[in-house]
Protein backbone atom coordinates (compact mmCIF):
# COMPACT_ATOMS: atom_id res chain seq x y z
CA UNK A 1 -13.06 6.15 -4.60
CA UNK A 2 -14.73 2.79 -4.20
CA UNK A 3 -16.30 1.66 -0.95
CA UNK A 4 -15.63 -1.69 0.67
CA UNK A 5 -18.75 -2.75 2.54
CA UNK A 6 -18.30 -5.08 5.49
CA UNK A 7 -21.67 -6.34 6.68
CA UNK A 8 -20.70 -6.57 10.35
CA UNK A 9 -17.54 -5.84 12.32
CA UNK A 10 -16.59 -9.34 13.39
CA UNK A 11 -13.39 -8.22 15.06
CA UNK A 12 -11.20 -9.47 12.20
CA UNK A 13 -8.28 -7.57 10.77
CA UNK A 14 -9.70 -5.90 7.67
CA UNK A 15 -6.58 -3.82 6.96
CA UNK A 16 -5.85 -5.54 3.63
CA UNK A 17 -9.34 -4.65 2.38
CA UNK A 18 -8.40 -0.95 2.63
CA UNK A 19 -6.25 -1.24 -0.50
CA UNK A 20 -9.49 -1.64 -2.50
CA UNK A 21 -11.22 1.44 -1.11
CA UNK A 22 -12.76 3.04 1.95
CA UNK A 23 -14.01 0.49 4.49
CA UNK A 24 -17.63 0.95 5.54
CA UNK A 25 -19.18 -1.18 8.28
CA UNK A 26 -22.85 -1.78 7.54
CA UNK A 27 -24.05 -2.88 10.97
CA UNK A 28 -22.73 -1.74 14.30
CA UNK A 29 -25.00 -3.80 16.51
CA UNK A 30 -25.87 -7.43 16.67
CA UNK A 31 -28.91 -8.80 14.93
CA UNK A 32 -30.64 -12.11 15.44
CA UNK A 33 -29.23 -14.62 12.99
CA UNK A 34 -32.70 -15.72 11.94
CA UNK A 35 -34.17 -12.21 11.63
CA UNK A 36 -33.64 -11.75 7.89
CA UNK A 37 -36.27 -8.99 7.70
CA UNK A 38 -34.31 -6.88 10.17
CA UNK A 39 -31.09 -7.66 8.29
CA UNK A 40 -32.73 -6.44 5.10
CA UNK A 41 -33.95 -3.21 6.69
CA UNK A 42 -30.57 -2.35 8.21
CA UNK A 43 -28.50 -3.42 5.22
CA UNK A 44 -30.77 -1.57 2.77
CA UNK A 45 -30.10 1.61 4.68
CA UNK A 46 -26.36 0.96 4.97
CA UNK A 47 -26.03 0.12 1.28
CA UNK A 48 -28.21 3.00 0.05
CA UNK A 49 -25.22 4.90 -1.36
CA UNK A 50 -23.47 1.84 -2.82
CA UNK A 51 -22.32 2.03 -6.41
CA UNK A 52 -22.16 -0.83 -8.93
CA UNK A 53 -18.38 -1.14 -8.67
CA UNK A 54 -18.13 -1.12 -4.86
CA UNK A 55 -17.01 -4.22 -2.99
CA UNK A 56 -18.71 -6.50 -0.50
CA UNK A 57 -16.49 -8.38 1.95
CA UNK A 58 -17.72 -11.91 2.61
CA UNK A 59 -17.42 -12.11 6.38
CA UNK A 60 -19.73 -12.61 9.36
CA UNK A 61 -22.99 -14.56 9.29
CA UNK A 62 -23.82 -16.32 6.05
CA UNK A 63 -27.36 -14.93 6.21
CA UNK A 64 -26.04 -11.34 6.42
CA UNK A 65 -23.82 -11.91 3.39
CA UNK A 66 -26.74 -13.44 1.48
CA UNK A 67 -29.04 -10.52 2.21
CA UNK A 68 -26.37 -7.94 1.31
CA UNK A 69 -25.59 -9.84 -1.90
CA UNK A 70 -29.29 -9.94 -2.82
CA UNK A 71 -29.65 -6.18 -2.29
CA UNK A 72 -26.65 -5.36 -4.48
CA UNK A 73 -27.49 -7.95 -7.14
CA UNK A 74 -31.05 -6.70 -7.38
CA UNK A 75 -29.90 -3.11 -7.72
CA UNK A 76 -26.96 -3.58 -10.10
CA UNK A 77 -27.16 -7.07 -11.63
CA UNK A 78 -23.66 -7.77 -10.35
CA UNK A 79 -21.72 -7.95 -7.10
CA UNK A 80 -18.01 -7.44 -6.54
CA UNK A 81 -16.76 -9.55 -3.66
CA UNK A 82 -13.61 -9.48 -1.59
CA UNK A 83 -12.80 -12.93 -0.25
CA UNK A 84 -10.01 -13.59 2.24
CA UNK A 85 -7.58 -16.12 0.77
CA UNK A 86 -4.02 -16.99 1.76
CA UNK A 87 -3.65 -13.99 4.08
CA UNK A 88 -5.05 -11.32 1.75
CA UNK A 89 -8.26 -10.30 0.01
CA UNK A 90 -8.89 -11.31 -3.59
CA UNK A 91 -11.54 -9.94 -5.94
CA UNK A 92 -14.32 -12.05 -7.37
CA UNK A 93 -17.25 -10.79 -9.44
CA UNK A 94 -20.69 -12.28 -9.86
CA UNK A 95 -22.60 -11.08 -12.92
CA UNK A 96 -26.17 -12.31 -12.95
CA UNK A 97 -26.99 -11.89 -16.63
CA UNK A 98 -23.73 -13.41 -17.82
């Protein structure tokens, strides 16, 4: 089963994301929005078991999404996003060597 990584629980309704796999919240506590080093440390740990075909939900702080994307892209060369559009999540894939 695929995992759906959500960088931070922003209090949104993520129910539709569950149709893509098991929802995993990466961060349970707040982090300073300019502390990218701390974001990297926490997200690296949370994403340690991620697989190449898992999903990343684009939600929360832009900086958190950027750091999570960088971690997955560096590890796999691609990132599979879930983006909320018109009341549901849609899949988008970024392949870096395409």
